[in-house]
Amino acid sequence: MELLKANVSEICLRKVRRTPFAHFLRTPRILISMPRLQAIFLSRFSCDLPGMTIVLEDRFIPFTREAISLIVGLRCYGLYIHIDGKYKSDTLKFVFAGHEDNATRNDLCTRMYEFAKAEDEVYSVNFVRMFVLPICNCIFFAKSTYYIPRFCFTYVDGLSTIEEYAWGSAVYDFLLDSIP
């Protein structure tokens, strides 16, 4: 994130800071792949204890919607996020201009850096969308493929309502679906 912050216009930074994802500007470089991180998570997950829990350094954290939301720093309650299926998105069409079905994480990051210097309204808004999408794709809703989960685009189309969604709850649902 340090490299990104050094190359972002002030208007783009102000817009990111108005989203629930602003605290990710302080995210250090993650040197572990998401599938490996999920394997570590699953190795610490226990169904044997009363209720489902995550064991971290001899502490038992309840695996609840509220606890996961607190851990990721996003809201637990709000508008529901549907994590299944494909959705239509104006952002997806605009940013990838007809190549959206094959858009990868690298494509997304490339576009984010292109929008980072934006000083106008349209491009700075698209920068914010491109900032949020890798967080969703690489941290919260990561799969072993490098393709972007299409449902995320639908929720970043309307930046004015992005904070109304229960992102923490969606992360909980995704993690729950990932448990074998």
C-alpha atoms as a PDB file:
ATOM      1  CA  MET A   1       0.000   0.000   0.000  1.00  0.00           C
ATOM      2  CA  GLU A   2       2.939   2.346   0.575  1.00  0.00           C
ATOM      3  CA  LEU A   3       3.780   2.351  -3.139  1.00  0.00           C
ATOM      4  CA  LEU A   4       0.160   2.996  -4.002  1.00  0.00           C
ATOM      5  CA  LYS A   5      -0.238   5.815  -1.455  1.00  0.00           C
ATOM      6  CA  ALA A   6       2.846   7.530  -2.846  1.00  0.00           C
ATOM      7  CA  ASN A   7       1.249   7.619  -6.312  1.00  0.00           C
ATOM      8  CA  VAL A   8      -2.319   8.611  -5.469  1.00  0.00           C
ATOM      9  CA  SER A   9      -3.751  12.078  -5.953  1.00  0.00           C
ATOM     10  CA  GLU A  10      -5.157  13.893  -2.943  1.00  0.00           C
ATOM     11  CA  ILE A  11      -8.709  13.804  -4.340  1.00  0.00           C
ATOM     12  CA  CYS A  12      -8.511  10.001  -4.667  1.00  0.00           C
ATOM     13  CA  LEU A  13      -7.229   9.638  -1.098  1.00  0.00           C
ATOM     14  CA  ARG A  14     -10.047  11.840   0.238  1.00  0.00           C
ATOM     15  CA  LYS A  15     -12.621   9.691  -1.542  1.00  0.00           C
ATOM     16  CA  VAL A  16     -11.117   6.435  -0.219  1.00  0.00           C
ATOM     17  CA  ARG A  17     -11.171   7.850   3.311  1.00  0.00           C
ATOM     18  CA  ARG A  18     -14.957   8.288   3.016  1.00  0.00           C
ATOM     19  CA  THR A  19     -15.460   4.531   2.581  1.00  0.00           C
ATOM     20  CA  PRO A  20     -15.524   1.770   5.189  1.00  0.00           C
ATOM     21  CA  PHE A  21     -12.356   0.424   3.534  1.00  0.00           C
ATOM     22  CA  ALA A  22     -10.119   3.410   4.403  1.00  0.00           C
ATOM     23  CA  HIS A  23      -8.290   1.520   7.169  1.00  0.00           C
ATOM     24  CA  PHE A  24      -6.835  -0.771   4.496  1.00  0.00           C
ATOM     25  CA  LEU A  25      -4.612   2.110   3.372  1.00  0.00           C
ATOM     26  CA  ARG A  26      -2.435   1.039   6.318  1.00  0.00           C
ATOM     27  CA  THR A  27      -2.269  -2.623   5.242  1.00  0.00           C
ATOM     28  CA  PRO A  28       1.294  -3.970   5.113  1.00  0.00           C
ATOM     29  CA  ARG A  29       2.449  -6.054   2.188  1.00  0.00           C
ATOM     30  CA  ILE A  30       1.056  -9.565   2.602  1.00  0.00           C
ATOM     31  CA  LEU A  31       3.649 -12.161   1.677  1.00  0.00           C
ATOM     32  CA  ILE A  32       1.445 -15.219   2.030  1.00  0.00           C
ATOM     33  CA  SER A  33      -1.005 -16.469  -0.561  1.00  0.00           C
ATOM     34  CA  MET A  34      -4.697 -16.441   0.273  1.00  0.00           C
ATOM     35  CA  PRO A  35      -5.143 -20.222  -0.164  1.00  0.00           C
ATOM     36  CA  ARG A  36      -2.290 -20.722   2.333  1.00  0.00           C
ATOM     37  CA  LEU A  37      -3.841 -18.174   4.696  1.00  0.00           C
ATOM     38  CA  GLN A  38      -7.170 -20.003   4.457  1.00  0.00           C
ATOM     39  CA  ALA A  39      -5.396 -23.286   5.225  1.00  0.00           C
ATOM     40  CA  ILE A  40      -3.892 -21.701   8.340  1.00  0.00           C
ATOM     41  CA  PHE A  41      -7.322 -20.392   9.312  1.00  0.00           C
ATOM     42  CA  LEU A  42      -8.925 -23.796   8.843  1.00  0.00           C
ATOM     43  CA  SER A  43      -6.176 -25.471  10.877  1.00  0.00           C
ATOM     44  CA  ARG A  44      -7.129 -23.205  13.791  1.00  0.00           C
ATOM     45  CA  PHE A  45     -10.855 -23.699  13.371  1.00  0.00           C
ATOM     46  CA  SER A  46     -12.592 -26.079  15.724  1.00  0.00           C
ATOM     47  CA  CYS A  47     -16.062 -27.561  15.601  1.00  0.00           C
ATOM     48  CA  ASP A  48     -15.323 -29.733  18.667  1.00  0.00           C
ATOM     49  CA  LEU A  49     -15.603 -26.913  21.177  1.00  0.00           C
ATOM     50  CA  PRO A  50     -18.996 -25.609  22.303  1.00  0.00           C
ATOM     51  CA  GLY A  51     -20.019 -23.528  19.306  1.00  0.00           C
ATOM     52  CA  MET A  52     -17.639 -22.929  16.430  1.00  0.00           C
ATOM     53  CA  THR A  53     -14.445 -21.108  17.413  1.00  0.00           C
ATOM     54  CA  ILE A  54     -11.127 -19.952  16.058  1.00  0.00           C
ATOM     55  CA  VAL A  55      -8.142 -20.712  18.302  1.00  0.00           C
ATOM     56  CA  LEU A  56      -5.457 -18.023  18.260  1.00  0.00           C
ATOM     57  CA  GLU A  57      -2.589 -18.194  20.750  1.00  0.00           C
ATOM     58  CA  ASP A  58      -4.616 -20.201  23.279  1.00  0.00           C
ATOM     59  CA  ARG A  59      -7.577 -17.829  22.966  1.00  0.00           C
ATOM     60  CA  PHE A  60     -10.933 -18.995  21.761  1.00  0.00           C
ATOM     61  CA  ILE A  61     -12.640 -16.516  19.473  1.00  0.00           C
ATOM     62  CA  PRO A  62     -16.251 -17.369  18.708  1.00  0.00           C
ATOM     63  CA  PHE A  63     -16.872 -17.835  15.025  1.00  0.00           C
ATOM     64  CA  THR A  64     -19.844 -15.518  14.815  1.00  0.00           C
ATOM     65  CA  ARG A  65     -20.974 -12.885  12.364  1.00  0.00           C
ATOM     66  CA  GLU A  66     -20.215 -10.197  14.924  1.00  0.00           C
ATOM     67  CA  ALA A  67     -16.716 -11.493  15.791  1.00  0.00           C
ATOM     68  CA  ILE A  68     -15.662 -11.834  12.149  1.00  0.00           C
ATOM     69  CA  SER A  69     -17.016  -8.366  11.367  1.00  0.00           C
ATOM     70  CA  LEU A  70     -15.048  -6.955  14.277  1.00  0.00           C
ATOM     71  CA  ILE A  71     -11.879  -8.762  13.180  1.00  0.00           C
ATOM     72  CA  VAL A  72     -12.062  -7.404   9.611  1.00  0.00           C
ATOM     73  CA  GLY A  73     -13.202  -3.960  10.760  1.00  0.00           C
ATOM     74  CA  LEU A  74     -16.375  -3.850   8.685  1.00  0.00           C
ATOM     75  CA  ARG A  75     -20.008  -3.547   9.578  1.00  0.00           C
ATOM     76  CA  CYS A  76     -21.985  -6.603  10.538  1.00  0.00           C
ATOM     77  CA  TYR A  77     -25.483  -5.293   9.988  1.00  0.00           C
ATOM     78  CA  GLY A  78     -26.858  -3.419   7.031  1.00  0.00           C
ATOM     79  CA  LEU A  79     -27.926  -4.168   3.506  1.00  0.00           C
ATOM     80  CA  TYR A  80     -27.406  -7.810   2.562  1.00  0.00           C
ATOM     81  CA  ILE A  81     -24.660  -8.723   0.079  1.00  0.00           C
ATOM     82  CA  HIS A  82     -25.430 -11.631  -2.229  1.00  0.00           C
ATOM     83  CA  ILE A  83     -22.159 -13.496  -2.790  1.00  0.00           C
ATOM     84  CA  ASP A  84     -23.504 -16.010  -5.293  1.00  0.00           C
ATOM     85  CA  GLY A  85     -23.860 -15.566  -9.016  1.00  0.00           C
ATOM     86  CA  LYS A  86     -22.909 -12.997 -11.626  1.00  0.00           C
ATOM     87  CA  TYR A  87     -24.297  -9.505 -11.716  1.00  0.00           C
ATOM     88  CA  LYS A  88     -24.328  -6.720 -14.253  1.00  0.00           C
ATOM     89  CA  SER A  89     -22.141  -3.742 -13.479  1.00  0.00           C
ATOM     90  CA  ASP A  90     -21.559  -0.417 -15.203  1.00  0.00           C
ATOM     91  CA  THR A  91     -18.132  -0.220 -13.550  1.00  0.00           C
ATOM     92  CA  LEU A  92     -17.141  -3.603 -14.921  1.00  0.00           C
ATOM     93  CA  LYS A  93     -18.117  -2.590 -18.459  1.00  0.00           C
ATOM     94  CA  PHE A  94     -16.457   0.825 -18.240  1.00  0.00           C
ATOM     95  CA  VAL A  95     -13.176  -0.304 -16.735  1.00  0.00           C
ATOM     96  CA  PHE A  96     -12.648  -3.443 -18.792  1.00  0.00           C
ATOM     97  CA  ALA A  97     -14.389  -2.328 -21.994  1.00  0.00           C
ATOM     98  CA  GLY A  98     -15.765  -5.626 -23.239  1.00  0.00           C
ATOM     99  CA  HIS A  99     -13.131  -7.871 -21.663  1.00  0.00           C
ATOM    100  CA  GLU A 100     -14.817  -8.148 -18.277  1.00  0.00           C
ATOM    101  CA  ASP A 101     -15.365 -11.913 -18.402  1.00  0.00           C
ATOM    102  CA  ASN A 102     -11.623 -12.505 -18.329  1.00  0.00           C
ATOM    103  CA  ALA A 103     -10.596  -9.695 -15.971  1.00  0.00           C
ATOM    104  CA  THR A 104      -7.993 -10.834 -13.452  1.00  0.00           C
ATOM    105  CA  ARG A 105      -6.569  -9.379 -10.241  1.00  0.00           C
ATOM    106  CA  ASN A 106      -3.560  -8.082 -12.168  1.00  0.00           C
ATOM    107  CA  ASP A 107      -5.846  -6.321 -14.659  1.00  0.00           C
ATOM    108  CA  LEU A 108      -7.689  -4.744 -11.764  1.00  0.00           C
ATOM    109  CA  CYS A 109      -4.496  -3.497 -10.106  1.00  0.00           C
ATOM    110  CA  THR A 110      -3.198  -2.137 -13.408  1.00  0.00           C
ATOM    111  CA  ARG A 111      -6.395  -0.130 -13.858  1.00  0.00           C
ATOM    112  CA  MET A 112      -6.228   1.063 -10.242  1.00  0.00           C
ATOM    113  CA  TYR A 113      -2.754   2.523 -10.806  1.00  0.00           C
ATOM    114  CA  GLU A 114      -3.970   4.173 -14.021  1.00  0.00           C
ATOM    115  CA  PHE A 115      -6.766   5.917 -12.102  1.00  0.00           C
ATOM    116  CA  ALA A 116      -4.563   6.777  -9.080  1.00  0.00           C
ATOM    117  CA  LYS A 117      -3.369  10.156 -10.377  1.00  0.00           C
ATOM    118  CA  ALA A 118      -6.906  11.252 -11.273  1.00  0.00           C
ATOM    119  CA  GLU A 119      -7.811  14.826 -10.493  1.00  0.00           C
ATOM    120  CA  ASP A 120     -11.322  14.725 -11.955  1.00  0.00           C
ATOM    121  CA  GLU A 121     -14.542  13.313 -10.520  1.00  0.00           C
ATOM    122  CA  VAL A 122     -15.120  10.341 -12.862  1.00  0.00           C
ATOM    123  CA  TYR A 123     -11.625   8.913 -12.683  1.00  0.00           C
ATOM    124  CA  SER A 124     -11.214   9.515  -8.945  1.00  0.00           C
ATOM    125  CA  VAL A 125     -14.481   7.658  -8.287  1.00  0.00           C
ATOM    126  CA  ASN A 126     -13.245   4.796 -10.447  1.00  0.00           C
ATOM    127  CA  PHE A 127      -9.985   4.771  -8.499  1.00  0.00           C
ATOM    128  CA  VAL A 128     -11.960   4.239  -5.281  1.00  0.00           C
ATOM    129  CA  ARG A 129     -13.830   1.361  -6.908  1.00  0.00           C
ATOM    130  CA  MET A 130     -10.547  -0.163  -8.097  1.00  0.00           C
ATOM    131  CA  PHE A 131      -9.138   0.262  -4.566  1.00  0.00           C
ATOM    132  CA  VAL A 132     -12.041  -1.582  -2.930  1.00  0.00           C
ATOM    133  CA  LEU A 133     -12.195  -4.443  -5.443  1.00  0.00           C
ATOM    134  CA  PRO A 134      -8.699  -5.896  -4.787  1.00  0.00           C
ATOM    135  CA  ILE A 135      -9.436  -5.831  -1.065  1.00  0.00           C
ATOM    136  CA  CYS A 136     -12.588  -7.828  -1.718  1.00  0.00           C
ATOM    137  CA  ASN A 137     -10.845 -10.079  -4.204  1.00  0.00           C
ATOM    138  CA  CYS A 138      -7.551 -10.726  -2.424  1.00  0.00           C
ATOM    139  CA  ILE A 139      -8.499 -10.529   1.239  1.00  0.00           C
ATOM    140  CA  PHE A 140     -12.175 -11.158   1.887  1.00  0.00           C
ATOM    141  CA  PHE A 141     -13.481 -13.269  -0.985  1.00  0.00           C
ATOM    142  CA  ALA A 142     -10.300 -14.875  -2.320  1.00  0.00           C
ATOM    143  CA  LYS A 143     -10.452 -18.140  -4.150  1.00  0.00           C
ATOM    144  CA  SER A 144      -7.674 -20.122  -5.741  1.00  0.00           C
ATOM    145  CA  THR A 145      -8.407 -18.537  -9.131  1.00  0.00           C
ATOM    146  CA  TYR A 146      -7.178 -15.109 -10.104  1.00  0.00           C
ATOM    147  CA  TYR A 147     -10.500 -14.020 -11.564  1.00  0.00           C
ATOM    148  CA  ILE A 148     -12.491 -11.340  -9.804  1.00  0.00           C
ATOM    149  CA  PRO A 149     -15.752 -12.414  -8.149  1.00  0.00           C
ATOM    150  CA  ARG A 150     -18.316 -10.545 -10.228  1.00  0.00           C
ATOM    151  CA  PHE A 151     -20.731  -9.906  -7.377  1.00  0.00           C
ATOM    152  CA  CYS A 152     -18.317  -7.362  -5.865  1.00  0.00           C
ATOM    153  CA  PHE A 153     -18.646  -5.026  -8.844  1.00  0.00           C
ATOM    154  CA  THR A 154     -22.357  -4.595  -8.250  1.00  0.00           C
ATOM    155  CA  TYR A 155     -21.759  -3.245  -4.755  1.00  0.00           C
ATOM    156  CA  VAL A 156     -19.056  -0.771  -5.711  1.00  0.00           C
ATOM    157  CA  ASP A 157     -21.080   0.719  -8.565  1.00  0.00           C
ATOM    158  CA  GLY A 158     -22.882   2.949  -6.062  1.00  0.00           C
ATOM    159  CA  LEU A 159     -20.141   4.428  -3.880  1.00  0.00           C
ATOM    160  CA  SER A 160     -22.658   6.639  -2.093  1.00  0.00           C
ATOM    161  CA  THR A 161     -24.232   3.533  -0.518  1.00  0.00           C
ATOM    162  CA  ILE A 162     -21.140   1.343  -0.082  1.00  0.00           C
ATOM    163  CA  GLU A 163     -21.046   1.908   3.683  1.00  0.00           C
ATOM    164  CA  GLU A 164     -24.649   0.739   4.080  1.00  0.00           C
ATOM    165  CA  TYR A 165     -23.791  -2.868   3.192  1.00  0.00           C
ATOM    166  CA  ALA A 166     -22.995  -5.551   5.752  1.00  0.00           C
ATOM    167  CA  TRP A 167     -19.508  -6.331   4.400  1.00  0.00           C
ATOM    168  CA  GLY A 168     -18.406  -8.085   7.597  1.00  0.00           C
ATOM    169  CA  SER A 169     -21.433 -10.341   7.442  1.00  0.00           C
ATOM    170  CA  ALA A 170     -20.644 -11.190   3.800  1.00  0.00           C
ATOM    171  CA  VAL A 171     -17.084 -12.154   4.814  1.00  0.00           C
ATOM    172  CA  TYR A 172     -18.551 -14.419   7.507  1.00  0.00           C
ATOM    173  CA  ASP A 173     -20.874 -16.075   4.954  1.00  0.00           C
ATOM    174  CA  PHE A 174     -17.989 -16.578   2.538  1.00  0.00           C
ATOM    175  CA  LEU A 175     -15.765 -18.107   5.231  1.00  0.00           C
ATOM    176  CA  LEU A 176     -18.575 -20.352   6.403  1.00  0.00           C
ATOM    177  CA  ASP A 177     -19.103 -21.575   2.832  1.00  0.00           C
ATOM    178  CA  SER A 178     -15.334 -22.257   2.590  1.00  0.00           C
ATOM    179  CA  ILE A 179     -15.277 -24.651   5.535  1.00  0.00           C
ATOM    180  CA  PRO A 180     -15.264 -28.259   4.272  1.00  0.00           C
END
